[in-house]
PDB file of N, CA and C in Angstrom:
ATOM      1  N   MET A   1      58.081 127.890 102.935  1.00  0.00           N
ATOM      2  CA  MET A   1      58.539 129.239 102.742  1.00  0.00           C
ATOM      3  C   MET A   1      59.028 129.438 101.305  1.00  0.00           C
ATOM      4  N   LEU A   2      58.340 128.834 100.369  1.00  0.00           N
ATOM      5  CA  LEU A   2      58.696 129.018  98.967  1.00  0.00           C
ATOM      6  C   LEU A   2      58.153 130.352  98.461  1.00  0.00           C
ATOM      7  N   PRO A   3      58.833 130.956  97.496  1.00  0.00           N
ATOM      8  CA  PRO A   3      58.304 132.174  96.894  1.00  0.00           C
ATOM      9  C   PRO A   3      56.958 131.895  96.223  1.00  0.00           C
ATOM     10  N   PRO A   4      56.114 132.914  96.083  1.00  0.00           N
ATOM     11  CA  PRO A   4      54.783 132.713  95.504  1.00  0.00           C
ATOM     12  C   PRO A   4      54.798 132.182  94.069  1.00  0.00           C
ATOM     13  N   CYS A   5      55.869 132.393  93.343  1.00  0.00           N
ATOM     14  CA  CYS A   5      55.922 131.947  91.948  1.00  0.00           C
ATOM     15  C   CYS A   5      56.182 130.444  91.828  1.00  0.00           C
ATOM     16  N   PHE A   6      56.479 129.763  92.933  1.00  0.00           N
ATOM     17  CA  PHE A   6      56.738 128.327  92.913  1.00  0.00           C
ATOM     18  C   PHE A   6      55.424 127.553  92.956  1.00  0.00           C
ATOM     19  N   PRO A   7      55.450 126.308  92.475  1.00  0.00           N
ATOM     20  CA  PRO A   7      54.256 125.460  92.597  1.00  0.00           C
ATOM     21  C   PRO A   7      54.043 125.075  94.063  1.00  0.00           C
ATOM     22  N   PRO A   8      52.971 124.354  94.374  1.00  0.00           N
ATOM     23  CA  PRO A   8      52.724 123.950  95.759  1.00  0.00           C
ATOM     24  C   PRO A   8      53.910 123.166  96.343  1.00  0.00           C
ATOM     25  N   VAL A   9      54.083 123.266  97.639  1.00  0.00           N
ATOM     26  CA  VAL A   9      55.228 122.639  98.305  1.00  0.00           C
ATOM     27  C   VAL A   9      55.262 121.133  98.082  1.00  0.00           C
ATOM     28  N   SER A  10      54.116 120.489  97.976  1.00  0.00           N
ATOM     29  CA  SER A  10      54.092 119.043  97.736  1.00  0.00           C
ATOM     30  C   SER A  10      54.711 118.705  96.374  1.00  0.00           C
ATOM     31  N   THR A  11      54.475 119.539  95.381  1.00  0.00           N
ATOM     32  CA  THR A  11      55.051 119.327  94.051  1.00  0.00           C
ATOM     33  C   THR A  11      56.559 119.528  94.086  1.00  0.00           C
ATOM     34  N   VAL A  12      56.998 120.588  94.736  1.00  0.00           N
ATOM     35  CA  VAL A  12      58.435 120.873  94.844  1.00  0.00           C
ATOM     36  C   VAL A  12      59.125 119.737  95.593  1.00  0.00           C
ATOM     37  N   ARG A  13      58.521 119.288  96.677  1.00  0.00           N
ATOM     38  CA  ARG A  13      59.094 118.204  97.474  1.00  0.00           C
ATOM     39  C   ARG A  13      59.196 116.923  96.654  1.00  0.00           C
ATOM     40  N   ARG A  14      58.146 116.609  95.886  1.00  0.00           N
ATOM     41  CA  ARG A  14      58.150 115.394  95.066  1.00  0.00           C
ATOM     42  C   ARG A  14      59.282 115.424  94.046  1.00  0.00           C
ATOM     43  N   TRP A  15      59.452 116.569  93.358  1.00  0.00           N
ATOM     44  CA  TRP A  15      60.527 116.693  92.375  1.00  0.00           C
ATOM     45  C   TRP A  15      61.900 116.622  93.046  1.00  0.00           C
ATOM     46  N   PHE A  16      62.024 117.281  94.194  1.00  0.00           N
ATOM     47  CA  PHE A  16      63.306 117.239  94.903  1.00  0.00           C
ATOM     48  C   PHE A  16      63.662 115.802  95.261  1.00  0.00           C
ATOM     49  N   TYR A  17      62.731 115.042  95.831  1.00  0.00           N
ATOM     50  CA  TYR A  17      62.992 113.657  96.210  1.00  0.00           C
ATOM     51  C   TYR A  17      63.305 112.799  94.985  1.00  0.00           C
ATOM     52  N   LEU A  18      62.605 113.017  93.894  1.00  0.00           N
ATOM     53  CA  LEU A  18      62.865 112.264  92.668  1.00  0.00           C
ATOM     54  C   LEU A  18      64.282 112.527  92.172  1.00  0.00           C
ATOM     55  N   TRP A  19      64.662 113.795  92.117  1.00  0.00           N
ATOM     56  CA  TRP A  19      66.003 114.141  91.647  1.00  0.00           C
ATOM     57  C   TRP A  19      67.070 113.646  92.615  1.00  0.00           C
ATOM     58  N   ARG A  20      66.793 113.688  93.916  1.00  0.00           N
ATOM     59  CA  ARG A  20      67.741 113.175  94.905  1.00  0.00           C
ATOM     60  C   ARG A  20      67.916 111.670  94.721  1.00  0.00           C
ATOM     61  N   ASP A  21      66.812 110.946  94.595  1.00  0.00           N
ATOM     62  CA  ASP A  21      66.872 109.490  94.468  1.00  0.00           C
ATOM     63  C   ASP A  21      67.510 109.042  93.157  1.00  0.00           C
ATOM     64  N   ASN A  22      67.356 109.844  92.112  1.00  0.00           N
ATOM     65  CA  ASN A  22      67.980 109.544  90.817  1.00  0.00           C
ATOM     66  C   ASN A  22      69.419 110.035  90.744  1.00  0.00           C
ATOM     67  N   ARG A  23      69.901 110.610  91.832  1.00  0.00           N
ATOM     68  CA  ARG A  23      71.277 111.126  91.955  1.00  0.00           C
ATOM     69  C   ARG A  23      71.568 112.289  91.005  1.00  0.00           C
ATOM     70  N   LEU A  24      70.515 113.006  90.597  1.00  0.00           N
ATOM     71  CA  LEU A  24      70.710 114.155  89.716  1.00  0.00           C
ATOM     72  C   LEU A  24      71.513 115.250  90.423  1.00  0.00           C
ATOM     73  N   TRP A  25      71.204 115.514  91.690  1.00  0.00           N
ATOM     74  CA  TRP A  25      71.925 116.554  92.437  1.00  0.00           C
ATOM     75  C   TRP A  25      73.412 116.210  92.529  1.00  0.00           C
ATOM     76  N   LEU A  26      73.719 114.948  92.762  1.00  0.00           N
ATOM     77  CA  LEU A  26      75.111 114.507  92.843  1.00  0.00           C
ATOM     78  C   LEU A  26      75.821 114.726  91.513  1.00  0.00           C
ATOM     79  N   SER A  27      75.149 114.379  90.412  1.00  0.00           N
ATOM     80  CA  SER A  27      75.739 114.557  89.081  1.00  0.00           C
ATOM     81  C   SER A  27      75.949 116.028  88.750  1.00  0.00           C
ATOM     82  N   LEU A  28      74.965 116.862  89.075  1.00  0.00           N
ATOM     83  CA  LEU A  28      75.099 118.305  88.827  1.00  0.00           C
ATOM     84  C   LEU A  28      76.244 118.901  89.632  1.00  0.00           C
ATOM     85  N   ASN A  29      76.330 118.531  90.903  1.00  0.00           N
ATOM     86  CA  ASN A  29      77.391 119.050  91.761  1.00  0.00           C
ATOM     87  C   ASN A  29      78.760 118.641  91.225  1.00  0.00           C
ATOM     88  N   HIS A  30      78.884 117.397  90.802  1.00  0.00           N
ATOM     89  CA  HIS A  30      80.160 116.910  90.272  1.00  0.00           C
ATOM     90  C   HIS A  30      80.535 117.643  88.982  1.00  0.00           C
ATOM     91  N   ALA A  31      79.563 117.816  88.084  1.00  0.00           N
ATOM     92  CA  ALA A  31      79.832 118.512  86.821  1.00  0.00           C
ATOM     93  C   ALA A  31      80.244 119.961  87.068  1.00  0.00           C
ATOM     94  N   LEU A  32      79.552 120.642  87.979  1.00  0.00           N
ATOM     95  CA  LEU A  32      79.896 122.033  88.287  1.00  0.00           C
ATOM     96  C   LEU A  32      81.278 122.138  88.937  1.00  0.00           C
ATOM     97  N   LEU A  33      81.621 121.177  89.770  1.00  0.00           N
ATOM     98  CA  LEU A  33      82.948 121.152  90.386  1.00  0.00           C
ATOM     99  C   LEU A  33      84.029 121.050  89.318  1.00  0.00           C
ATOM    100  N   MET A  34      83.855 120.127  88.360  1.00  0.00           N
ATOM    101  CA  MET A  34      84.852 119.952  87.313  1.00  0.00           C
ATOM    102  C   MET A  34      84.944 121.191  86.423  1.00  0.00           C
ATOM    103  N   ILE A  35      83.808 121.781  86.079  1.00  0.00           N
ATOM    104  CA  ILE A  35      83.810 122.993  85.245  1.00  0.00           C
ATOM    105  C   ILE A  35      84.525 124.132  85.963  1.00  0.00           C
ATOM    106  N   GLY A  36      84.236 124.289  87.248  1.00  0.00           N
ATOM    107  CA  GLY A  36      84.878 125.351  88.035  1.00  0.00           C
ATOM    108  C   GLY A  36      86.375 125.164  88.143  1.00  0.00           C
ATOM    109  N   ARG A  37      86.815 123.920  88.352  1.00  0.00           N
ATOM    110  CA  ARG A  37      88.251 123.656  88.445  1.00  0.00           C
ATOM    111  C   ARG A  37      88.947 123.917  87.110  1.00  0.00           C
ATOM    112  N   GLU A  38      88.324 123.488  86.001  1.00  0.00           N
ATOM    113  CA  GLU A  38      88.934 123.718  84.694  1.00  0.00           C
ATOM    114  C   GLU A  38      88.965 125.212  84.362  1.00  0.00           C
ATOM    115  N   ALA A  39      87.933 125.948  84.762  1.00  0.00           N
ATOM    116  CA  ALA A  39      87.906 127.395  84.521  1.00  0.00           C
ATOM    117  C   ALA A  39      89.013 128.102  85.296  1.00  0.00           C
ATOM    118  N   ALA A  40      89.428 127.515  86.420  1.00  0.00           N
ATOM    119  CA  ALA A  40      90.509 128.090  87.223  1.00  0.00           C
ATOM    120  C   ALA A  40      91.882 127.608  86.752  1.00  0.00           C
ATOM    121  N   GLY A  41      91.905 126.831  85.657  1.00  0.00           N
ATOM    122  CA  GLY A  41      93.172 126.362  85.107  1.00  0.00           C
ATOM    123  C   GLY A  41      93.746 125.160  85.832  1.00  0.00           C
ATOM    124  N   ARG A  42      92.896 124.380  86.487  1.00  0.00           N
ATOM    125  CA  ARG A  42      93.365 123.212  87.231  1.00  0.00           C
ATOM    126  C   ARG A  42      92.832 121.945  86.588  1.00  0.00           C
ATOM    127  N   GLU A  43      93.350 120.796  87.016  1.00  0.00           N
ATOM    128  CA  GLU A  43      92.830 119.510  86.564  1.00  0.00           C
ATOM    129  C   GLU A  43      91.384 119.370  87.019  1.00  0.00           C
ATOM    130  N   ALA A  44      90.578 118.662  86.228  1.00  0.00           N
ATOM    131  CA  ALA A  44      89.157 118.516  86.558  1.00  0.00           C
ATOM    132  C   ALA A  44      88.942 117.791  87.883  1.00  0.00           C
ATOM    133  N   SER A  45      89.754 116.781  88.158  1.00  0.00           N
ATOM    134  CA  SER A  45      89.618 116.022  89.411  1.00  0.00           C
ATOM    135  C   SER A  45      90.689 116.458  90.394  1.00  0.00           C
ATOM    136  N   PRO A  46      90.312 116.739  91.625  1.00  0.00           N
ATOM    137  CA  PRO A  46      91.313 117.159  92.613  1.00  0.00           C
ATOM    138  C   PRO A  46      92.285 116.033  92.936  1.00  0.00           C
ATOM    139  N   SER A  47      93.534 116.395  93.194  1.00  0.00           N
ATOM    140  CA  SER A  47      94.541 115.399  93.535  1.00  0.00           C
ATOM    141  C   SER A  47      94.882 115.436  95.024  1.00  0.00           C
ATOM    142  N   ALA A  48      94.377 116.444  95.733  1.00  0.00           N
ATOM    143  CA  ALA A  48      94.655 116.564  97.171  1.00  0.00           C
ATOM    144  C   ALA A  48      93.484 117.270  97.833  1.00  0.00           C
ATOM    145  N   GLY A  49      93.376 117.085  99.125  1.00  0.00           N
ATOM    146  CA  GLY A  49      92.314 117.724  99.889  1.00  0.00           C
ATOM    147  C   GLY A  49      92.807 118.082 101.282  1.00  0.00           C
ATOM    148  N   VAL A  50      92.032 118.850 101.977  1.00  0.00           N
ATOM    149  CA  VAL A  50      92.358 119.262 103.336  1.00  0.00           C
ATOM    150  C   VAL A  50      91.247 118.757 104.247  1.00  0.00           C
ATOM    151  N   ILE A  51      91.625 118.091 105.331  1.00  0.00           N
ATOM    152  CA  ILE A  51      90.657 117.599 106.305  1.00  0.00           C
ATOM    153  C   ILE A  51      90.745 118.482 107.544  1.00  0.00           C
ATOM    154  N   ALA A  52      89.599 118.918 108.022  1.00  0.00           N
ATOM    155  CA  ALA A  52      89.548 119.736 109.235  1.00  0.00           C
ATOM    156  C   ALA A  52      88.465 119.188 110.150  1.00  0.00           C
ATOM    157  N   SER A  53      88.603 119.452 111.448  1.00  0.00           N
ATOM    158  CA  SER A  53      87.587 119.034 112.405  1.00  0.00           C
ATOM    159  C   SER A  53      87.301 120.180 113.353  1.00  0.00           C
ATOM    160  N   GLN A  54      86.135 120.126 113.960  1.00  0.00           N
ATOM    161  CA  GLN A  54      85.719 121.178 114.881  1.00  0.00           C
ATOM    162  C   GLN A  54      84.848 120.549 115.954  1.00  0.00           C
ATOM    163  N   SER A  55      85.067 120.945 117.189  1.00  0.00           N
ATOM    164  CA  SER A  55      84.224 120.497 118.296  1.00  0.00           C
ATOM    165  C   SER A  55      83.159 121.550 118.533  1.00  0.00           C
ATOM    166  N   VAL A  56      81.906 121.098 118.618  1.00  0.00           N
ATOM    167  CA  VAL A  56      80.772 122.004 118.760  1.00  0.00           C
ATOM    168  C   VAL A  56      80.007 121.640 120.020  1.00  0.00           C
ATOM    169  N   LYS A  57      79.763 122.619 120.878  1.00  0.00           N
ATOM    170  CA  LYS A  57      78.990 122.373 122.092  1.00  0.00           C
ATOM    171  C   LYS A  57      77.546 122.077 121.729  1.00  0.00           C
ATOM    172  N   THR A  58      76.923 121.189 122.493  1.00  0.00           N
ATOM    173  CA  THR A  58      75.515 120.885 122.304  1.00  0.00           C
ATOM    174  C   THR A  58      74.796 121.048 123.627  1.00  0.00           C
ATOM    175  N   THR A  59      73.486 121.139 123.553  1.00  0.00           N
ATOM    176  CA  THR A  59      72.676 121.261 124.763  1.00  0.00           C
ATOM    177  C   THR A  59      72.246 119.878 125.224  1.00  0.00           C
ATOM    178  N   GLU A  60      71.637 119.813 126.376  1.00  0.00           N
ATOM    179  CA  GLU A  60      71.141 118.544 126.900  1.00  0.00           C
ATOM    180  C   GLU A  60      70.132 117.913 125.934  1.00  0.00           C
ATOM    181  N   SER A  61      69.297 118.723 125.284  1.00  0.00           N
ATOM    182  CA  SER A  61      68.263 118.189 124.395  1.00  0.00           C
ATOM    183  C   SER A  61      68.771 118.016 122.970  1.00  0.00           C
ATOM    184  N   GLY A  62      70.059 118.211 122.727  1.00  0.00           N
ATOM    185  CA  GLY A  62      70.610 118.142 121.374  1.00  0.00           C
ATOM    186  C   GLY A  62      70.900 116.751 120.879  1.00  0.00           C
ATOM    187  N   GLY A  63      70.513 115.724 121.620  1.00  0.00           N
ATOM    188  CA  GLY A  63      70.769 114.357 121.186  1.00  0.00           C
ATOM    189  C   GLY A  63      72.039 113.820 121.807  1.00  0.00           C
ATOM    190  N   PRO A  64      72.605 112.781 121.201  1.00  0.00           N
ATOM    191  CA  PRO A  64      73.798 112.151 121.770  1.00  0.00           C
ATOM    192  C   PRO A  64      74.964 113.127 121.836  1.00  0.00           C
ATOM    193  N   ARG A  65      75.711 113.024 122.921  1.00  0.00           N
ATOM    194  CA  ARG A  65      76.868 113.894 123.093  1.00  0.00           C
ATOM    195  C   ARG A  65      78.086 113.046 123.392  1.00  0.00           C
ATOM    196  N   GLY A  66      79.227 113.594 123.111  1.00  0.00           N
ATOM    197  CA  GLY A  66      80.486 112.920 123.418  1.00  0.00           C
ATOM    198  C   GLY A  66      81.433 113.887 124.077  1.00  0.00           C
ATOM    199  N   ASP A  67      82.663 113.476 124.241  1.00  0.00           N
ATOM    200  CA  ASP A  67      83.684 114.332 124.834  1.00  0.00           C
ATOM    201  C   ASP A  67      84.845 114.480 123.871  1.00  0.00           C
ATOM    202  N   ASP A  68      85.347 115.686 123.744  1.00  0.00           N
ATOM    203  CA  ASP A  68      86.611 115.920 123.057  1.00  0.00           C
ATOM    204  C   ASP A  68      87.609 116.185 124.168  1.00  0.00           C
ATOM    205  N   ALA A  69      88.277 115.151 124.608  1.00  0.00           N
ATOM    206  CA  ALA A  69      89.135 115.254 125.786  1.00  0.00           C
ATOM    207  C   ALA A  69      90.244 116.277 125.604  1.00  0.00           C
ATOM    208  N   GLY A  70      90.745 116.420 124.398  1.00  0.00           N
ATOM    209  CA  GLY A  70      91.816 117.382 124.158  1.00  0.00           C
ATOM    210  C   GLY A  70      91.388 118.816 124.384  1.00  0.00           C
ATOM    211  N   LYS A  71      90.129 119.118 124.075  1.00  0.00           N
ATOM    212  CA  LYS A  71      89.633 120.490 124.212  1.00  0.00           C
ATOM    213  C   LYS A  71      88.691 120.652 125.391  1.00  0.00           C
ATOM    214  N   LYS A  72      88.381 119.548 126.069  1.00  0.00           N
ATOM    215  CA  LYS A  72      87.487 119.571 127.225  1.00  0.00           C
ATOM    216  C   LYS A  72      86.128 120.185 126.887  1.00  0.00           C
ATOM    217  N   ILE A  73      85.582 119.787 125.741  1.00  0.00           N
ATOM    218  CA  ILE A  73      84.275 120.279 125.299  1.00  0.00           C
ATOM    219  C   ILE A  73      83.330 119.094 125.194  1.00  0.00           C
ATOM    220  N   LYS A  74      82.154 119.222 125.815  1.00  0.00           N
ATOM    221  CA  LYS A  74      81.132 118.195 125.670  1.00  0.00           C
ATOM    222  C   LYS A  74      80.261 118.593 124.480  1.00  0.00           C
ATOM    223  N   GLY A  75      80.120 117.712 123.542  1.00  0.00           N
ATOM    224  CA  GLY A  75      79.325 118.020 122.365  1.00  0.00           C
ATOM    225  C   GLY A  75      79.613 117.051 121.248  1.00  0.00           C
ATOM    226  N   ARG A  76      79.614 117.573 120.033  1.00  0.00           N
ATOM    227  CA  ARG A  76      79.851 116.753 118.841  1.00  0.00           C
ATOM    228  C   ARG A  76      81.091 117.247 118.129  1.00  0.00           C
ATOM    229  N   LYS A  77      81.720 116.323 117.445  1.00  0.00           N
ATOM    230  CA  LYS A  77      82.860 116.685 116.623  1.00  0.00           C
ATOM    231  C   LYS A  77      82.433 116.519 115.175  1.00  0.00           C
ATOM    232  N   ARG A  78      82.659 117.530 114.360  1.00  0.00           N
ATOM    233  CA  ARG A  78      82.294 117.433 112.948  1.00  0.00           C
ATOM    234  C   ARG A  78      83.550 117.583 112.100  1.00  0.00           C
ATOM    235  N   HIS A  79      83.525 116.953 110.933  1.00  0.00           N
ATOM    236  CA  HIS A  79      84.676 116.925 110.048  1.00  0.00           C
ATOM    237  C   HIS A  79      84.255 117.418 108.668  1.00  0.00           C
ATOM    238  N   ILE A  80      85.229 117.963 107.940  1.00  0.00           N
ATOM    239  CA  ILE A  80      84.983 118.399 106.572  1.00  0.00           C
ATOM    240  C   ILE A  80      86.211 118.069 105.739  1.00  0.00           C
ATOM    241  N   LEU A  81      85.971 117.682 104.509  1.00  0.00           N
ATOM    242  CA  LEU A  81      87.037 117.458 103.541  1.00  0.00           C
ATOM    243  C   LEU A  81      86.797 118.441 102.410  1.00  0.00           C
ATOM    244  N   THR A  82      87.793 119.233 102.087  1.00  0.00           N
ATOM    245  CA  THR A  82      87.628 120.252 101.059  1.00  0.00           C
ATOM    246  C   THR A  82      88.792 120.214 100.080  1.00  0.00           C
ATOM    247  N   ASP A  83      88.568 120.759  98.921  1.00  0.00           N
ATOM    248  CA  ASP A  83      89.585 120.872  97.892  1.00  0.00           C
ATOM    249  C   ASP A  83      90.644 121.850  98.372  1.00  0.00           C
ATOM    250  N   THR A  84      91.836 121.753  97.813  1.00  0.00           N
ATOM    251  CA  THR A  84      92.912 122.647  98.215  1.00  0.00           C
ATOM    252  C   THR A  84      92.890 123.977  97.481  1.00  0.00           C
ATOM    253  N   LYS A  85      91.908 124.186  96.607  1.00  0.00           N
ATOM    254  CA  LYS A  85      91.831 125.426  95.824  1.00  0.00           C
ATOM    255  C   LYS A  85      91.766 126.645  96.737  1.00  0.00           C
ATOM    256  N   VAL A  86      92.622 127.601  96.483  1.00  0.00           N
ATOM    257  CA  VAL A  86      92.655 128.841  97.240  1.00  0.00           C
ATOM    258  C   VAL A  86      92.077 129.945  96.365  1.00  0.00           C
ATOM    259  N   LEU A  87      91.143 130.711  96.904  1.00  0.00           N
ATOM    260  CA  LEU A  87      90.530 131.785  96.109  1.00  0.00           C
ATOM    261  C   LEU A  87      91.437 132.983  96.010  1.00  0.00           C
TER     262      LEU A  87
END
């Protein structure tokens, strides 16, 4: 589902995998994070973070399932760690 102005999907996929394997995406994301934090007047590297979790229901065909006994939900539990920056 690439726009018509893009090269063939095989070419895009090859470049994406190359950049992923060379950790270019990781480096770009890190650089943009530091630039954004400095632009907001904060230290480039975060000193604190917030951890959150969420229980998500899954279907029978959704793969392995577990139980969140506290919430009585059958499904998966997902976690996220985020910066403390408030917009």
